[in-house]
Amino acid sequence: MTEIILTMVSGFVSVLRDTLPVLLVVLVFQFFVLRQVIPNPQKIIAGFLATVFGLYAFLIGLDMGVFPIAEAMAEQFSSPTNRSWALVFAFCIGYSTTMAEPALLAITQKAEEMSSGGIDSYYLRNAVAIGVSVGLGIGVYRIYCGDPLWAYILFGYIATVILTFLAPKEIVPLAYDSGGVTTSTITVPFVTALGLGLASNLPDRNTLMDGFGLIAFASVFPVITVLSYATLATLKTKYIN
């Protein structure tokens, strides 16, 4: 019991140590650069402590729940008979985790608000989620095949550059940001554990070289799907309507 308590205290102190520099930067700029008093200091202190507790609870949840189940599933998917199901799982988990990402929800709602409804939050989230799904499916396939990562990512960037010139200019920054917000709190832990688990259980695979890299697929392919969605919507408006 004592060992468990010491471990929990140590973990909390570690999170507190990592987050204190953020608070110090804010305080230094607030007091010495902007020369302003912090409004509602009690609320801010309470919010900071809640953030620290939340981060600590999140890390415990990853260690106790997400990583073990993802690694166990990856071990099962490494079997040749289950590889087709692994691709289906990668597609489904990519879509579901992306739709649940709070950062993506926030940015798509803000985009809809700033465009006065011209950009539909729901369709934009689905375009991003489909991109992540396709990207993870291709990424898992690459791990099975052992192909070089750079070839797939290079294709993704070439497609992104081409679509950047074709898509409406106002959607390009949003499309580029969408790839970043998808690699957030929910998607990254599960996808990382899945990639590492597959590489660890497949013969002739290097965990460092083959296990990592799935996040790159989850970042670049949403940009492609959002740019494609915007381009097709523009063409439909121009030539059909």
C-alpha atoms as a PDB file:
ATOM      1  CA  MET A   1       0.000   0.000   0.000  1.00  0.00           C
ATOM      2  CA  THR A   2       2.798   2.378   0.911  1.00  0.00           C
ATOM      3  CA  GLU A   3       4.563   1.625  -2.361  1.00  0.00           C
ATOM      4  CA  ILE A   4       1.408   2.419  -4.350  1.00  0.00           C
ATOM      5  CA  ILE A   5       0.974   5.737  -2.535  1.00  0.00           C
ATOM      6  CA  LEU A   6       4.615   6.655  -3.130  1.00  0.00           C
ATOM      7  CA  THR A   7       4.253   5.808  -6.823  1.00  0.00           C
ATOM      8  CA  MET A   8       1.156   7.972  -7.126  1.00  0.00           C
ATOM      9  CA  VAL A   9       2.789  10.898  -5.333  1.00  0.00           C
ATOM     10  CA  SER A  10       5.889  10.546  -7.497  1.00  0.00           C
ATOM     11  CA  GLY A  11       3.786  10.541 -10.666  1.00  0.00           C
ATOM     12  CA  PHE A  12       1.830  13.594  -9.576  1.00  0.00           C
ATOM     13  CA  VAL A  13       5.012  15.483  -8.701  1.00  0.00           C
ATOM     14  CA  SER A  14       6.427  14.581 -12.112  1.00  0.00           C
ATOM     15  CA  VAL A  15       3.376  16.000 -13.895  1.00  0.00           C
ATOM     16  CA  LEU A  16       3.490  19.105 -11.685  1.00  0.00           C
ATOM     17  CA  ARG A  17       7.168  19.597 -12.533  1.00  0.00           C
ATOM     18  CA  ASP A  18       6.426  19.333 -16.250  1.00  0.00           C
ATOM     19  CA  THR A  19       3.543  21.819 -16.178  1.00  0.00           C
ATOM     20  CA  LEU A  20       5.104  24.434 -13.888  1.00  0.00           C
ATOM     21  CA  PRO A  21       7.217  26.003 -16.700  1.00  0.00           C
ATOM     22  CA  VAL A  22       3.993  26.804 -18.569  1.00  0.00           C
ATOM     23  CA  LEU A  23       2.612  28.609 -15.544  1.00  0.00           C
ATOM     24  CA  LEU A  24       5.905  30.430 -14.957  1.00  0.00           C
ATOM     25  CA  VAL A  25       6.037  31.699 -18.544  1.00  0.00           C
ATOM     26  CA  VAL A  26       2.475  33.023 -18.266  1.00  0.00           C
ATOM     27  CA  LEU A  27       3.186  34.716 -14.918  1.00  0.00           C
ATOM     28  CA  VAL A  28       6.437  36.315 -16.090  1.00  0.00           C
ATOM     29  CA  PHE A  29       4.802  37.822 -19.154  1.00  0.00           C
ATOM     30  CA  GLN A  30       1.717  38.876 -17.191  1.00  0.00           C
ATOM     31  CA  PHE A  31       3.630  40.648 -14.421  1.00  0.00           C
ATOM     32  CA  PHE A  32       6.853  41.860 -16.060  1.00  0.00           C
ATOM     33  CA  VAL A  33       5.945  42.374 -19.722  1.00  0.00           C
ATOM     34  CA  LEU A  34       2.235  43.238 -19.758  1.00  0.00           C
ATOM     35  CA  ARG A  35       2.423  44.581 -16.176  1.00  0.00           C
ATOM     36  CA  GLN A  36      -1.104  43.489 -15.370  1.00  0.00           C
ATOM     37  CA  VAL A  37      -2.618  41.886 -12.296  1.00  0.00           C
ATOM     38  CA  ILE A  38      -4.079  38.425 -12.825  1.00  0.00           C
ATOM     39  CA  PRO A  39      -7.879  38.532 -12.500  1.00  0.00           C
ATOM     40  CA  ASN A  40      -9.496  35.951 -10.201  1.00  0.00           C
ATOM     41  CA  PRO A  41      -6.245  34.388  -8.948  1.00  0.00           C
ATOM     42  CA  GLN A  42      -8.107  31.819  -6.816  1.00  0.00           C
ATOM     43  CA  LYS A  43      -9.980  30.518  -9.845  1.00  0.00           C
ATOM     44  CA  ILE A  44      -6.788  30.362 -11.908  1.00  0.00           C
ATOM     45  CA  ILE A  45      -4.923  28.446  -9.196  1.00  0.00           C
ATOM     46  CA  ALA A  46      -7.823  26.020  -8.857  1.00  0.00           C
ATOM     47  CA  GLY A  47      -7.907  25.591 -12.639  1.00  0.00           C
ATOM     48  CA  PHE A  48      -4.171  24.930 -12.793  1.00  0.00           C
ATOM     49  CA  LEU A  49      -4.390  22.287 -10.063  1.00  0.00           C
ATOM     50  CA  ALA A  50      -7.361  20.709 -11.847  1.00  0.00           C
ATOM     51  CA  THR A  51      -5.283  20.599 -15.035  1.00  0.00           C
ATOM     52  CA  VAL A  52      -2.436  18.858 -13.223  1.00  0.00           C
ATOM     53  CA  PHE A  53      -4.780  16.312 -11.643  1.00  0.00           C
ATOM     54  CA  GLY A  54      -6.475  15.779 -15.013  1.00  0.00           C
ATOM     55  CA  LEU A  55      -3.183  15.176 -16.802  1.00  0.00           C
ATOM     56  CA  TYR A  56      -2.077  12.778 -14.110  1.00  0.00           C
ATOM     57  CA  ALA A  57      -5.372  10.859 -14.278  1.00  0.00           C
ATOM     58  CA  PHE A  58      -5.091  10.785 -18.077  1.00  0.00           C
ATOM     59  CA  LEU A  59      -1.599   9.284 -17.921  1.00  0.00           C
ATOM     60  CA  ILE A  60      -2.756   6.665 -15.420  1.00  0.00           C
ATOM     61  CA  GLY A  61      -5.660   5.792 -17.698  1.00  0.00           C
ATOM     62  CA  LEU A  62      -3.321   5.349 -20.653  1.00  0.00           C
ATOM     63  CA  ASP A  63      -0.985   3.124 -18.685  1.00  0.00           C
ATOM     64  CA  MET A  64      -3.720   1.008 -17.120  1.00  0.00           C
ATOM     65  CA  GLY A  65      -6.237   0.799 -19.960  1.00  0.00           C
ATOM     66  CA  VAL A  66      -5.374   2.053 -23.427  1.00  0.00           C
ATOM     67  CA  PHE A  67      -1.825   0.760 -23.884  1.00  0.00           C
ATOM     68  CA  PRO A  68      -2.454  -2.771 -22.521  1.00  0.00           C
ATOM     69  CA  ILE A  69      -5.563  -3.413 -24.609  1.00  0.00           C
ATOM     70  CA  ALA A  70      -3.996  -1.942 -27.751  1.00  0.00           C
ATOM     71  CA  GLU A  71      -0.882  -4.060 -27.319  1.00  0.00           C
ATOM     72  CA  ALA A  72      -2.964  -7.191 -26.672  1.00  0.00           C
ATOM     73  CA  MET A  73      -5.040  -6.584 -29.793  1.00  0.00           C
ATOM     74  CA  ALA A  74      -1.908  -5.904 -31.851  1.00  0.00           C
ATOM     75  CA  GLU A  75      -0.494  -9.249 -30.740  1.00  0.00           C
ATOM     76  CA  GLN A  76      -3.632 -10.998 -32.001  1.00  0.00           C
ATOM     77  CA  PHE A  77      -3.658  -9.026 -35.250  1.00  0.00           C
ATOM     78  CA  SER A  78      -0.084 -10.066 -35.998  1.00  0.00           C
ATOM     79  CA  SER A  79      -1.406 -13.548 -36.807  1.00  0.00           C
ATOM     80  CA  PRO A  80      -1.695 -14.088 -40.606  1.00  0.00           C
ATOM     81  CA  THR A  81      -5.333 -15.148 -40.244  1.00  0.00           C
ATOM     82  CA  ASN A  82      -6.282 -11.858 -38.604  1.00  0.00           C
ATOM     83  CA  ARG A  83      -4.441  -9.399 -40.831  1.00  0.00           C
ATOM     84  CA  SER A  84      -7.485  -8.531 -42.918  1.00  0.00           C
ATOM     85  CA  TRP A  85      -9.376  -7.775 -39.734  1.00  0.00           C
ATOM     86  CA  ALA A  86      -6.482  -5.595 -38.607  1.00  0.00           C
ATOM     87  CA  LEU A  87      -7.012  -3.339 -41.625  1.00  0.00           C
ATOM     88  CA  VAL A  88     -10.722  -3.135 -40.857  1.00  0.00           C
ATOM     89  CA  PHE A  89      -9.955  -2.374 -37.221  1.00  0.00           C
ATOM     90  CA  ALA A  90      -7.450   0.357 -38.159  1.00  0.00           C
ATOM     91  CA  PHE A  91     -10.060   1.991 -40.393  1.00  0.00           C
ATOM     92  CA  CYS A  92     -12.794   1.814 -37.727  1.00  0.00           C
ATOM     93  CA  ILE A  93     -10.631   2.931 -34.806  1.00  0.00           C
ATOM     94  CA  GLY A  94      -9.233   5.792 -36.875  1.00  0.00           C
ATOM     95  CA  TYR A  95     -12.715   7.045 -37.689  1.00  0.00           C
ATOM     96  CA  SER A  96     -14.156   6.641 -34.191  1.00  0.00           C
ATOM     97  CA  THR A  97     -11.240   8.185 -32.293  1.00  0.00           C
ATOM     98  CA  THR A  98     -11.076  11.130 -34.690  1.00  0.00           C
ATOM     99  CA  MET A  99     -14.775  11.884 -34.362  1.00  0.00           C
ATOM    100  CA  ALA A 100     -14.305  11.860 -30.583  1.00  0.00           C
ATOM    101  CA  GLU A 101     -11.334  14.251 -30.607  1.00  0.00           C
ATOM    102  CA  PRO A 102     -12.277  17.371 -28.615  1.00  0.00           C
ATOM    103  CA  ALA A 103      -9.670  19.480 -30.442  1.00  0.00           C
ATOM    104  CA  LEU A 104     -11.176  18.593 -33.830  1.00  0.00           C
ATOM    105  CA  LEU A 105     -14.680  19.344 -32.586  1.00  0.00           C
ATOM    106  CA  ALA A 106     -13.545  22.737 -31.325  1.00  0.00           C
ATOM    107  CA  ILE A 107     -11.755  23.747 -34.522  1.00  0.00           C
ATOM    108  CA  THR A 108     -14.566  22.611 -36.837  1.00  0.00           C
ATOM    109  CA  GLN A 109     -17.186  24.433 -34.778  1.00  0.00           C
ATOM    110  CA  LYS A 110     -15.065  27.572 -34.856  1.00  0.00           C
ATOM    111  CA  ALA A 111     -14.637  27.210 -38.632  1.00  0.00           C
ATOM    112  CA  GLU A 112     -18.400  26.912 -39.084  1.00  0.00           C
ATOM    113  CA  GLU A 113     -18.932  29.946 -36.875  1.00  0.00           C
ATOM    114  CA  MET A 114     -16.328  32.089 -38.654  1.00  0.00           C
ATOM    115  CA  SER A 115     -17.656  31.130 -42.098  1.00  0.00           C
ATOM    116  CA  SER A 116     -21.250  31.950 -41.069  1.00  0.00           C
ATOM    117  CA  GLY A 117     -22.309  28.406 -41.832  1.00  0.00           C
ATOM    118  CA  GLY A 118     -20.462  28.165 -45.135  1.00  0.00           C
ATOM    119  CA  ILE A 119     -18.363  25.337 -43.716  1.00  0.00           C
ATOM    120  CA  ASP A 120     -20.397  22.525 -42.204  1.00  0.00           C
ATOM    121  CA  SER A 121     -18.806  21.260 -38.998  1.00  0.00           C
ATOM    122  CA  TYR A 122     -20.247  17.748 -39.325  1.00  0.00           C
ATOM    123  CA  TYR A 123     -19.084  17.162 -42.895  1.00  0.00           C
ATOM    124  CA  LEU A 124     -15.675  18.633 -42.146  1.00  0.00           C
ATOM    125  CA  ARG A 125     -15.212  16.288 -39.166  1.00  0.00           C
ATOM    126  CA  ASN A 126     -16.228  13.341 -41.327  1.00  0.00           C
ATOM    127  CA  ALA A 127     -13.747  14.345 -44.032  1.00  0.00           C
ATOM    128  CA  VAL A 128     -10.987  14.447 -41.433  1.00  0.00           C
ATOM    129  CA  ALA A 129     -12.079  11.154 -39.857  1.00  0.00           C
ATOM    130  CA  ILE A 130     -12.149   9.389 -43.223  1.00  0.00           C
ATOM    131  CA  GLY A 131      -8.644  10.679 -43.924  1.00  0.00           C
ATOM    132  CA  VAL A 132      -7.375   9.293 -40.630  1.00  0.00           C
ATOM    133  CA  SER A 133      -9.127   5.975 -41.296  1.00  0.00           C
ATOM    134  CA  VAL A 134      -7.612   5.582 -44.747  1.00  0.00           C
ATOM    135  CA  GLY A 135      -4.210   6.697 -43.475  1.00  0.00           C
ATOM    136  CA  LEU A 136      -4.165   4.197 -40.620  1.00  0.00           C
ATOM    137  CA  GLY A 137      -5.316   1.395 -42.896  1.00  0.00           C
ATOM    138  CA  ILE A 138      -2.455   2.138 -45.287  1.00  0.00           C
ATOM    139  CA  GLY A 139      -0.050   2.503 -42.358  1.00  0.00           C
ATOM    140  CA  VAL A 140      -0.958  -0.897 -40.928  1.00  0.00           C
ATOM    141  CA  TYR A 141      -0.607  -2.412 -44.394  1.00  0.00           C
ATOM    142  CA  ARG A 142       2.889  -0.887 -44.637  1.00  0.00           C
ATOM    143  CA  ILE A 143       3.889  -2.487 -41.331  1.00  0.00           C
ATOM    144  CA  TYR A 144       2.756  -5.884 -42.590  1.00  0.00           C
ATOM    145  CA  CYS A 145       4.610  -5.468 -45.889  1.00  0.00           C
ATOM    146  CA  GLY A 146       7.721  -3.889 -44.390  1.00  0.00           C
ATOM    147  CA  ASP A 147       7.832  -1.218 -47.095  1.00  0.00           C
ATOM    148  CA  PRO A 148       9.853   1.957 -46.443  1.00  0.00           C
ATOM    149  CA  LEU A 149       7.896   4.657 -44.645  1.00  0.00           C
ATOM    150  CA  TRP A 150       9.251   7.511 -46.757  1.00  0.00           C
ATOM    151  CA  ALA A 151       7.685   6.198 -49.984  1.00  0.00           C
ATOM    152  CA  TYR A 152       4.158   6.365 -48.574  1.00  0.00           C
ATOM    153  CA  ILE A 153       4.629   9.710 -46.864  1.00  0.00           C
ATOM    154  CA  LEU A 154       6.248  11.172 -49.986  1.00  0.00           C
ATOM    155  CA  PHE A 155       3.178  10.188 -51.989  1.00  0.00           C
ATOM    156  CA  GLY A 156       1.012  11.839 -49.347  1.00  0.00           C
ATOM    157  CA  TYR A 157       2.944  15.099 -49.513  1.00  0.00           C
ATOM    158  CA  ILE A 158       2.936  15.142 -53.312  1.00  0.00           C
ATOM    159  CA  ALA A 159      -0.836  14.678 -53.309  1.00  0.00           C
ATOM    160  CA  THR A 160      -1.131  17.415 -50.678  1.00  0.00           C
ATOM    161  CA  VAL A 161       0.905  19.890 -52.744  1.00  0.00           C
ATOM    162  CA  ILE A 162      -1.151  19.200 -55.891  1.00  0.00           C
ATOM    163  CA  LEU A 163      -4.458  19.568 -54.049  1.00  0.00           C
ATOM    164  CA  THR A 164      -3.230  22.767 -52.388  1.00  0.00           C
ATOM    165  CA  PHE A 165      -3.217  24.448 -55.813  1.00  0.00           C
ATOM    166  CA  LEU A 166      -6.612  23.003 -56.773  1.00  0.00           C
ATOM    167  CA  ALA A 167      -8.591  23.560 -53.558  1.00  0.00           C
ATOM    168  CA  PRO A 168     -10.216  26.882 -52.577  1.00  0.00           C
ATOM    169  CA  LYS A 169      -7.577  29.054 -50.946  1.00  0.00           C
ATOM    170  CA  GLU A 170      -9.710  29.780 -47.875  1.00  0.00           C
ATOM    171  CA  ILE A 171      -9.904  26.067 -46.995  1.00  0.00           C
ATOM    172  CA  VAL A 172      -6.169  25.323 -47.308  1.00  0.00           C
ATOM    173  CA  PRO A 173      -5.090  26.604 -43.849  1.00  0.00           C
ATOM    174  CA  LEU A 174      -7.990  24.750 -42.207  1.00  0.00           C
ATOM    175  CA  ALA A 175      -7.071  21.545 -44.039  1.00  0.00           C
ATOM    176  CA  TYR A 176      -3.462  21.810 -42.919  1.00  0.00           C
ATOM    177  CA  ASP A 177      -4.515  22.387 -39.310  1.00  0.00           C
ATOM    178  CA  SER A 178      -6.932  19.458 -39.383  1.00  0.00           C
ATOM    179  CA  GLY A 179      -4.061  16.992 -39.670  1.00  0.00           C
ATOM    180  CA  GLY A 180      -2.492  18.376 -36.526  1.00  0.00           C
ATOM    181  CA  VAL A 181      -5.580  18.389 -34.344  1.00  0.00           C
ATOM    182  CA  THR A 182      -6.392  14.764 -35.175  1.00  0.00           C
ATOM    183  CA  THR A 183      -3.126  13.582 -33.620  1.00  0.00           C
ATOM    184  CA  SER A 184      -4.313  14.510 -30.168  1.00  0.00           C
ATOM    185  CA  THR A 185      -5.288  13.016 -26.827  1.00  0.00           C
ATOM    186  CA  ILE A 186      -7.488  10.131 -27.971  1.00  0.00           C
ATOM    187  CA  THR A 187      -5.978   9.074 -31.287  1.00  0.00           C
ATOM    188  CA  VAL A 188      -2.244   9.165 -30.540  1.00  0.00           C
ATOM    189  CA  PRO A 189      -2.019   6.745 -27.567  1.00  0.00           C
ATOM    190  CA  PHE A 190      -4.089   4.011 -29.205  1.00  0.00           C
ATOM    191  CA  VAL A 191      -2.450   4.337 -32.620  1.00  0.00           C
ATOM    192  CA  THR A 192       1.064   4.386 -31.165  1.00  0.00           C
ATOM    193  CA  ALA A 193       0.401   1.293 -29.070  1.00  0.00           C
ATOM    194  CA  LEU A 194      -1.093  -0.463 -32.100  1.00  0.00           C
ATOM    195  CA  GLY A 195       1.927   0.265 -34.302  1.00  0.00           C
ATOM    196  CA  LEU A 196       4.451  -0.753 -31.659  1.00  0.00           C
ATOM    197  CA  GLY A 197       2.495  -3.911 -30.848  1.00  0.00           C
ATOM    198  CA  LEU A 198       2.326  -5.006 -34.488  1.00  0.00           C
ATOM    199  CA  ALA A 199       6.035  -4.363 -35.075  1.00  0.00           C
ATOM    200  CA  SER A 200       6.957  -6.220 -31.888  1.00  0.00           C
ATOM    201  CA  ASN A 201       5.026  -9.343 -32.881  1.00  0.00           C
ATOM    202  CA  LEU A 202       5.869  -9.542 -36.569  1.00  0.00           C
ATOM    203  CA  PRO A 203       9.061 -11.287 -37.694  1.00  0.00           C
ATOM    204  CA  ASP A 204      11.886  -9.221 -39.182  1.00  0.00           C
ATOM    205  CA  ARG A 205      10.346  -5.944 -38.016  1.00  0.00           C
ATOM    206  CA  ASN A 206      12.233  -3.241 -36.167  1.00  0.00           C
ATOM    207  CA  THR A 207      10.128  -1.717 -33.399  1.00  0.00           C
ATOM    208  CA  LEU A 208      11.727   1.697 -33.782  1.00  0.00           C
ATOM    209  CA  MET A 209      11.685   1.770 -37.588  1.00  0.00           C
ATOM    210  CA  ASP A 210       8.377  -0.005 -38.203  1.00  0.00           C
ATOM    211  CA  GLY A 211       6.434   0.544 -34.983  1.00  0.00           C
ATOM    212  CA  PHE A 212       6.467   4.315 -35.152  1.00  0.00           C
ATOM    213  CA  GLY A 213       5.146   6.195 -38.145  1.00  0.00           C
ATOM    214  CA  LEU A 214       1.420   5.502 -37.949  1.00  0.00           C
ATOM    215  CA  ILE A 215       0.883   8.987 -36.569  1.00  0.00           C
ATOM    216  CA  ALA A 216       2.437  10.393 -39.752  1.00  0.00           C
ATOM    217  CA  PHE A 217      -0.274   8.633 -41.770  1.00  0.00           C
ATOM    218  CA  ALA A 218      -2.921   9.978 -39.407  1.00  0.00           C
ATOM    219  CA  SER A 219      -1.558  13.497 -39.974  1.00  0.00           C
ATOM    220  CA  VAL A 220      -1.068  13.759 -43.729  1.00  0.00           C
ATOM    221  CA  PHE A 221      -4.070  11.863 -45.084  1.00  0.00           C
ATOM    222  CA  PRO A 222      -6.701  14.066 -43.360  1.00  0.00           C
ATOM    223  CA  VAL A 223      -5.173  17.029 -45.177  1.00  0.00           C
ATOM    224  CA  ILE A 224      -5.672  15.175 -48.459  1.00  0.00           C
ATOM    225  CA  THR A 225      -9.299  14.280 -47.743  1.00  0.00           C
ATOM    226  CA  VAL A 226     -10.255  17.783 -46.577  1.00  0.00           C
ATOM    227  CA  LEU A 227      -8.618  19.385 -49.625  1.00  0.00           C
ATOM    228  CA  SER A 228     -10.316  16.802 -51.865  1.00  0.00           C
ATOM    229  CA  TYR A 229     -13.686  17.458 -50.223  1.00  0.00           C
ATOM    230  CA  ALA A 230     -13.313  21.215 -50.710  1.00  0.00           C
ATOM    231  CA  THR A 231     -12.195  20.794 -54.322  1.00  0.00           C
ATOM    232  CA  LEU A 232     -15.101  18.497 -55.202  1.00  0.00           C
ATOM    233  CA  ALA A 233     -17.580  20.804 -53.465  1.00  0.00           C
ATOM    234  CA  THR A 234     -16.263  23.756 -55.463  1.00  0.00           C
ATOM    235  CA  LEU A 235     -16.480  21.845 -58.736  1.00  0.00           C
ATOM    236  CA  LYS A 236     -20.025  20.736 -57.918  1.00  0.00           C
ATOM    237  CA  THR A 237     -21.066  24.309 -57.192  1.00  0.00           C
ATOM    238  CA  LYS A 238     -19.405  25.607 -60.348  1.00  0.00           C
ATOM    239  CA  TYR A 239     -20.489  23.041 -62.910  1.00  0.00           C
ATOM    240  CA  ILE A 240     -23.627  21.399 -61.516  1.00  0.00           C
ATOM    241  CA  ASN A 241     -25.442  24.151 -59.673  1.00  0.00           C
END
